[in-house]
Amino acid sequence: MKIVGQHYGSYMASLSMRKLREERGNTYWGMDDDTRDRLRSKLMPSVLSYQSVP
Protein backbone atom coordinates (compact mmCIF):
# COMPACT_ATOMS: atom_id res chain seq x y z
CA MET A 1 0.00 0.00 0.00
CA LYS A 2 2.79 2.38 0.92
CA ILE A 3 4.72 1.68 -2.28
CA VAL A 4 1.68 2.33 -4.47
CA GLY A 5 1.00 5.57 -2.58
CA GLN A 6 4.57 6.73 -3.16
CA HIS A 7 4.44 5.76 -6.83
CA TYR A 8 1.26 7.73 -7.54
CA GLY A 9 1.89 10.53 -5.03
CA SER A 10 3.40 13.02 -7.47
CA TYR A 11 0.73 12.25 -10.08
CA MET A 12 -2.04 12.86 -7.53
CA ALA A 13 -0.32 16.09 -6.49
CA SER A 14 -0.22 17.34 -10.07
CA LEU A 15 -3.91 16.49 -10.53
CA SER A 16 -4.68 18.41 -7.32
CA MET A 17 -3.17 21.72 -8.48
CA ARG A 18 -5.77 24.51 -8.61
CA LYS A 19 -5.84 28.29 -8.81
CA LEU A 20 -6.34 29.45 -5.25
CA ARG A 21 -7.06 32.92 -3.92
CA GLU A 22 -5.45 34.39 -0.82
CA GLU A 23 -6.98 36.89 1.61
CA ARG A 24 -5.75 39.91 -0.35
CA GLY A 25 -7.38 38.66 -3.56
CA ASN A 26 -4.22 37.48 -5.30
CA THR A 27 -4.44 34.18 -7.16
CA TYR A 28 -1.74 31.54 -7.19
CA TRP A 29 -1.34 27.87 -8.07
CA GLY A 30 -1.49 25.56 -5.09
CA MET A 31 -2.44 22.06 -4.08
CA ASP A 32 -6.06 21.47 -3.15
CA ASP A 33 -5.85 19.10 -0.19
CA ASP A 34 -9.47 17.97 -0.52
CA THR A 35 -8.93 16.86 -4.11
CA ARG A 36 -5.72 15.05 -3.19
CA ASP A 37 -7.47 13.26 -0.32
CA ARG A 38 -10.34 12.21 -2.60
CA LEU A 39 -7.91 10.79 -5.14
CA ARG A 40 -6.07 8.91 -2.41
CA SER A 41 -9.33 7.52 -1.01
CA LYS A 42 -10.30 6.28 -4.50
CA LEU A 43 -6.93 4.57 -4.95
CA MET A 44 -6.86 2.65 -1.67
CA PRO A 45 -9.94 0.40 -2.25
CA SER A 46 -8.61 -0.43 -5.72
CA VAL A 47 -5.30 -1.54 -4.24
CA LEU A 48 -7.01 -3.63 -1.58
CA SER A 49 -9.36 -5.33 -4.05
CA TYR A 50 -6.59 -6.15 -6.56
CA GLN A 51 -6.15 -9.85 -7.21
CA SER A 52 -3.23 -11.07 -9.24
CA VAL A 53 -3.84 -13.64 -11.97
CA PRO A 54 -2.26 -17.00 -11.12
PDB file of N, CA and C in Angstrom:
ATOM      1  N   MET A   1       0.822  -1.184   0.000  1.00  0.00           N
ATOM      2  CA  MET A   1       0.000   0.000   0.000  1.00  0.00           C
ATOM      3  C   MET A   1       0.872   1.256   0.000  1.00  0.00           C
ATOM      4  N   LYS A   2       1.900   1.227   0.820  1.00  0.00           N
ATOM      5  CA  LYS A   2       2.786   2.385   0.921  1.00  0.00           C
ATOM      6  C   LYS A   2       3.535   2.628  -0.389  1.00  0.00           C
ATOM      7  N   ILE A   3       3.969   1.558  -1.031  1.00  0.00           N
ATOM      8  CA  ILE A   3       4.717   1.682  -2.281  1.00  0.00           C
ATOM      9  C   ILE A   3       3.842   2.260  -3.383  1.00  0.00           C
ATOM     10  N   VAL A   4       2.609   1.807  -3.462  1.00  0.00           N
ATOM     11  CA  VAL A   4       1.683   2.333  -4.467  1.00  0.00           C
ATOM     12  C   VAL A   4       1.398   3.807  -4.198  1.00  0.00           C
ATOM     13  N   GLY A   5       1.224   4.175  -2.940  1.00  0.00           N
ATOM     14  CA  GLY A   5       1.004   5.574  -2.585  1.00  0.00           C
ATOM     15  C   GLY A   5       2.175   6.456  -2.969  1.00  0.00           C
ATOM     16  N   GLN A   6       3.380   5.966  -2.775  1.00  0.00           N
ATOM     17  CA  GLN A   6       4.567   6.728  -3.164  1.00  0.00           C
ATOM     18  C   GLN A   6       4.682   6.842  -4.678  1.00  0.00           C
ATOM     19  N   HIS A   7       4.337   5.760  -5.371  1.00  0.00           N
ATOM     20  CA  HIS A   7       4.443   5.759  -6.830  1.00  0.00           C
ATOM     21  C   HIS A   7       3.494   6.777  -7.462  1.00  0.00           C
ATOM     22  N   TYR A   8       2.264   6.827  -6.972  1.00  0.00           N
ATOM     23  CA  TYR A   8       1.260   7.727  -7.542  1.00  0.00           C
ATOM     24  C   TYR A   8       1.163   9.070  -6.827  1.00  0.00           C
ATOM     25  N   GLY A   9       1.972   9.305  -5.818  1.00  0.00           N
ATOM     26  CA  GLY A   9       1.895  10.533  -5.034  1.00  0.00           C
ATOM     27  C   GLY A   9       2.111  11.794  -5.848  1.00  0.00           C
ATOM     28  N   SER A  10       3.134  11.818  -6.686  1.00  0.00           N
ATOM     29  CA  SER A  10       3.402  13.024  -7.474  1.00  0.00           C
ATOM     30  C   SER A  10       2.329  13.228  -8.542  1.00  0.00           C
ATOM     31  N   TYR A  11       1.803  12.140  -9.082  1.00  0.00           N
ATOM     32  CA  TYR A  11       0.727  12.254 -10.079  1.00  0.00           C
ATOM     33  C   TYR A  11      -0.539  12.823  -9.429  1.00  0.00           C
ATOM     34  N   MET A  12      -0.874  12.341  -8.234  1.00  0.00           N
ATOM     35  CA  MET A  12      -2.044  12.864  -7.531  1.00  0.00           C
ATOM     36  C   MET A  12      -1.837  14.330  -7.157  1.00  0.00           C
ATOM     37  N   ALA A  13      -0.614  14.692  -6.819  1.00  0.00           N
ATOM     38  CA  ALA A  13      -0.319  16.089  -6.492  1.00  0.00           C
ATOM     39  C   ALA A  13      -0.508  16.984  -7.705  1.00  0.00           C
ATOM     40  N   SER A  14      -0.064  16.519  -8.865  1.00  0.00           N
ATOM     41  CA  SER A  14      -0.224  17.341 -10.071  1.00  0.00           C
ATOM     42  C   SER A  14      -1.693  17.465 -10.465  1.00  0.00           C
ATOM     43  N   LEU A  15      -2.475  16.416 -10.246  1.00  0.00           N
ATOM     44  CA  LEU A  15      -3.912  16.493 -10.526  1.00  0.00           C
ATOM     45  C   LEU A  15      -4.641  17.394  -9.536  1.00  0.00           C
ATOM     46  N   SER A  16      -4.049  17.618  -8.373  1.00  0.00           N
ATOM     47  CA  SER A  16      -4.683  18.410  -7.321  1.00  0.00           C
ATOM     48  C   SER A  16      -4.358  19.901  -7.404  1.00  0.00           C
ATOM     49  N   MET A  17      -3.544  20.308  -8.367  1.00  0.00           N
ATOM     50  CA  MET A  17      -3.170  21.719  -8.483  1.00  0.00           C
ATOM     51  C   MET A  17      -4.359  22.542  -8.980  1.00  0.00           C
ATOM     52  N   ARG A  18      -4.646  23.636  -8.280  1.00  0.00           N
ATOM     53  CA  ARG A  18      -5.767  24.515  -8.610  1.00  0.00           C
ATOM     54  C   ARG A  18      -5.334  25.961  -8.417  1.00  0.00           C
ATOM     55  N   LYS A  19      -6.053  26.856  -9.072  1.00  0.00           N
ATOM     56  CA  LYS A  19      -5.844  28.285  -8.814  1.00  0.00           C
ATOM     57  C   LYS A  19      -6.552  28.610  -7.506  1.00  0.00           C
ATOM     58  N   LEU A  20      -5.800  29.101  -6.559  1.00  0.00           N
ATOM     59  CA  LEU A  20      -6.336  29.453  -5.249  1.00  0.00           C
ATOM     60  C   LEU A  20      -6.235  30.959  -5.063  1.00  0.00           C
ATOM     61  N   ARG A  21      -7.050  31.490  -4.179  1.00  0.00           N
ATOM     62  CA  ARG A  21      -7.061  32.920  -3.922  1.00  0.00           C
ATOM     63  C   ARG A  21      -6.742  33.168  -2.454  1.00  0.00           C
ATOM     64  N   GLU A  22      -5.810  34.064  -2.208  1.00  0.00           N
ATOM     65  CA  GLU A  22      -5.449  34.394  -0.824  1.00  0.00           C
ATOM     66  C   GLU A  22      -6.346  35.511  -0.304  1.00  0.00           C
ATOM     67  N   GLU A  23      -6.125  35.906   0.954  1.00  0.00           N
ATOM     68  CA  GLU A  23      -6.977  36.895   1.607  1.00  0.00           C
ATOM     69  C   GLU A  23      -6.974  38.245   0.900  1.00  0.00           C
ATOM     70  N   ARG A  24      -5.859  38.611   0.310  1.00  0.00           N
ATOM     71  CA  ARG A  24      -5.754  39.913  -0.354  1.00  0.00           C
ATOM     72  C   ARG A  24      -6.318  39.899  -1.769  1.00  0.00           C
ATOM     73  N   GLY A  25      -6.783  38.743  -2.235  1.00  0.00           N
ATOM     74  CA  GLY A  25      -7.378  38.655  -3.556  1.00  0.00           C
ATOM     75  C   GLY A  25      -6.441  38.201  -4.648  1.00  0.00           C
ATOM     76  N   ASN A  26      -5.179  37.962  -4.311  1.00  0.00           N
ATOM     77  CA  ASN A  26      -4.222  37.478  -5.300  1.00  0.00           C
ATOM     78  C   ASN A  26      -4.450  35.996  -5.573  1.00  0.00           C
ATOM     79  N   THR A  27      -4.290  35.595  -6.820  1.00  0.00           N
ATOM     80  CA  THR A  27      -4.441  34.180  -7.157  1.00  0.00           C
ATOM     81  C   THR A  27      -3.064  33.552  -7.362  1.00  0.00           C
ATOM     82  N   TYR A  28      -2.975  32.293  -7.035  1.00  0.00           N
ATOM     83  CA  TYR A  28      -1.738  31.541  -7.190  1.00  0.00           C
ATOM     84  C   TYR A  28      -2.094  30.073  -7.384  1.00  0.00           C
ATOM     85  N   TRP A  29      -1.146  29.297  -7.900  1.00  0.00           N
ATOM     86  CA  TRP A  29      -1.341  27.865  -8.068  1.00  0.00           C
ATOM     87  C   TRP A  29      -0.926  27.155  -6.792  1.00  0.00           C
ATOM     88  N   GLY A  30      -1.794  26.312  -6.290  1.00  0.00           N
ATOM     89  CA  GLY A  30      -1.487  25.561  -5.086  1.00  0.00           C
ATOM     90  C   GLY A  30      -2.208  24.228  -5.089  1.00  0.00           C
ATOM     91  N   MET A  31      -1.836  23.381  -4.163  1.00  0.00           N
ATOM     92  CA  MET A  31      -2.439  22.063  -4.084  1.00  0.00           C
ATOM     93  C   MET A  31      -3.727  22.119  -3.270  1.00  0.00           C
ATOM     94  N   ASP A  32      -4.777  21.573  -3.842  1.00  0.00           N
ATOM     95  CA  ASP A  32      -6.055  21.470  -3.153  1.00  0.00           C
ATOM     96  C   ASP A  32      -6.045  20.166  -2.358  1.00  0.00           C
ATOM     97  N   ASP A  33      -5.964  20.279  -1.043  1.00  0.00           N
ATOM     98  CA  ASP A  33      -5.849  19.096  -0.192  1.00  0.00           C
ATOM     99  C   ASP A  33      -7.076  18.201  -0.265  1.00  0.00           C
ATOM    100  N   ASP A  34      -8.256  18.778  -0.419  1.00  0.00           N
ATOM    101  CA  ASP A  34      -9.471  17.973  -0.519  1.00  0.00           C
ATOM    102  C   ASP A  34      -9.447  17.082  -1.759  1.00  0.00           C
ATOM    103  N   THR A  35      -9.020  17.635  -2.874  1.00  0.00           N
ATOM    104  CA  THR A  35      -8.934  16.857  -4.107  1.00  0.00           C
ATOM    105  C   THR A  35      -7.906  15.745  -3.977  1.00  0.00           C
ATOM    106  N   ARG A  36      -6.755  16.062  -3.390  1.00  0.00           N
ATOM    107  CA  ARG A  36      -5.718  15.049  -3.190  1.00  0.00           C
ATOM    108  C   ARG A  36      -6.218  13.925  -2.284  1.00  0.00           C
ATOM    109  N   ASP A  37      -6.932  14.279  -1.227  1.00  0.00           N
ATOM    110  CA  ASP A  37      -7.467  13.261  -0.319  1.00  0.00           C
ATOM    111  C   ASP A  37      -8.523  12.395  -0.998  1.00  0.00           C
ATOM    112  N   ARG A  38      -9.348  12.994  -1.857  1.00  0.00           N
ATOM    113  CA  ARG A  38     -10.344  12.212  -2.596  1.00  0.00           C
ATOM    114  C   ARG A  38      -9.671  11.231  -3.554  1.00  0.00           C
ATOM    115  N   LEU A  39      -8.636  11.686  -4.241  1.00  0.00           N
ATOM    116  CA  LEU A  39      -7.907  10.790  -5.144  1.00  0.00           C
ATOM    117  C   LEU A  39      -7.275   9.639  -4.377  1.00  0.00           C
ATOM    118  N   ARG A  40      -6.693   9.951  -3.234  1.00  0.00           N
ATOM    119  CA  ARG A  40      -6.073   8.914  -2.411  1.00  0.00           C
ATOM    120  C   ARG A  40      -7.110   7.921  -1.903  1.00  0.00           C
ATOM    121  N   SER A  41      -8.292   8.418  -1.519  1.00  0.00           N
ATOM    122  CA  SER A  41      -9.334   7.520  -1.015  1.00  0.00           C
ATOM    123  C   SER A  41      -9.927   6.661  -2.128  1.00  0.00           C
ATOM    124  N   LYS A  42      -9.863   7.103  -3.379  1.00  0.00           N
ATOM    125  CA  LYS A  42     -10.299   6.276  -4.500  1.00  0.00           C
ATOM    126  C   LYS A  42      -9.269   5.205  -4.837  1.00  0.00           C
ATOM    127  N   LEU A  43      -7.998   5.503  -4.628  1.00  0.00           N
ATOM    128  CA  LEU A  43      -6.932   4.569  -4.953  1.00  0.00           C
ATOM    129  C   LEU A  43      -6.863   3.406  -3.963  1.00  0.00           C
ATOM    130  N   MET A  44      -7.054   3.668  -2.695  1.00  0.00           N
ATOM    131  CA  MET A  44      -6.865   2.651  -1.669  1.00  0.00           C
ATOM    132  C   MET A  44      -7.790   1.439  -1.835  1.00  0.00           C
ATOM    133  N   PRO A  45      -9.103   1.594  -2.057  1.00  0.00           N
ATOM    134  CA  PRO A  45      -9.938   0.402  -2.252  1.00  0.00           C
ATOM    135  C   PRO A  45      -9.534  -0.405  -3.493  1.00  0.00           C
ATOM    136  N   SER A  46      -9.056   0.276  -4.519  1.00  0.00           N
ATOM    137  CA  SER A  46      -8.610  -0.428  -5.720  1.00  0.00           C
ATOM    138  C   SER A  46      -7.395  -1.291  -5.417  1.00  0.00           C
ATOM    139  N   VAL A  47      -6.489  -0.767  -4.611  1.00  0.00           N
ATOM    140  CA  VAL A  47      -5.298  -1.536  -4.242  1.00  0.00           C
ATOM    141  C   VAL A  47      -5.696  -2.744  -3.388  1.00  0.00           C
ATOM    142  N   LEU A  48      -6.613  -2.543  -2.469  1.00  0.00           N
ATOM    143  CA  LEU A  48      -7.005  -3.632  -1.583  1.00  0.00           C
ATOM    144  C   LEU A  48      -7.798  -4.712  -2.301  1.00  0.00           C
ATOM    145  N   SER A  49      -8.542  -4.341  -3.346  1.00  0.00           N
ATOM    146  CA  SER A  49      -9.358  -5.333  -4.050  1.00  0.00           C
ATOM    147  C   SER A  49      -8.616  -5.993  -5.205  1.00  0.00           C
ATOM    148  N   TYR A  50      -7.361  -5.594  -5.465  1.00  0.00           N
ATOM    149  CA  TYR A  50      -6.587  -6.155  -6.560  1.00  0.00           C
ATOM    150  C   TYR A  50      -6.263  -7.616  -6.286  1.00  0.00           C
ATOM    151  N   GLN A  51      -6.507  -8.441  -7.305  1.00  0.00           N
ATOM    152  CA  GLN A  51      -6.155  -9.849  -7.209  1.00  0.00           C
ATOM    153  C   GLN A  51      -5.280 -10.192  -8.405  1.00  0.00           C
ATOM    154  N   SER A  52      -4.116 -10.717  -8.142  1.00  0.00           N
ATOM    155  CA  SER A  52      -3.231 -11.073  -9.244  1.00  0.00           C
ATOM    156  C   SER A  52      -3.717 -12.346  -9.915  1.00  0.00           C
ATOM    157  N   VAL A  53      -3.440 -12.461 -11.190  1.00  0.00           N
ATOM    158  CA  VAL A  53      -3.842 -13.636 -11.967  1.00  0.00           C
ATOM    159  C   VAL A  53      -2.803 -14.722 -11.757  1.00  0.00           C
ATOM    160  N   PRO A  54      -3.238 -15.923 -11.377  1.00  0.00           N
ATOM    161  CA  PRO A  54      -2.258 -17.004 -11.118  1.00  0.00           C
ATOM    162  C   PRO A  54      -1.596 -17.500 -12.382  1.00  0.00           C
TER     163      PRO A  54
END
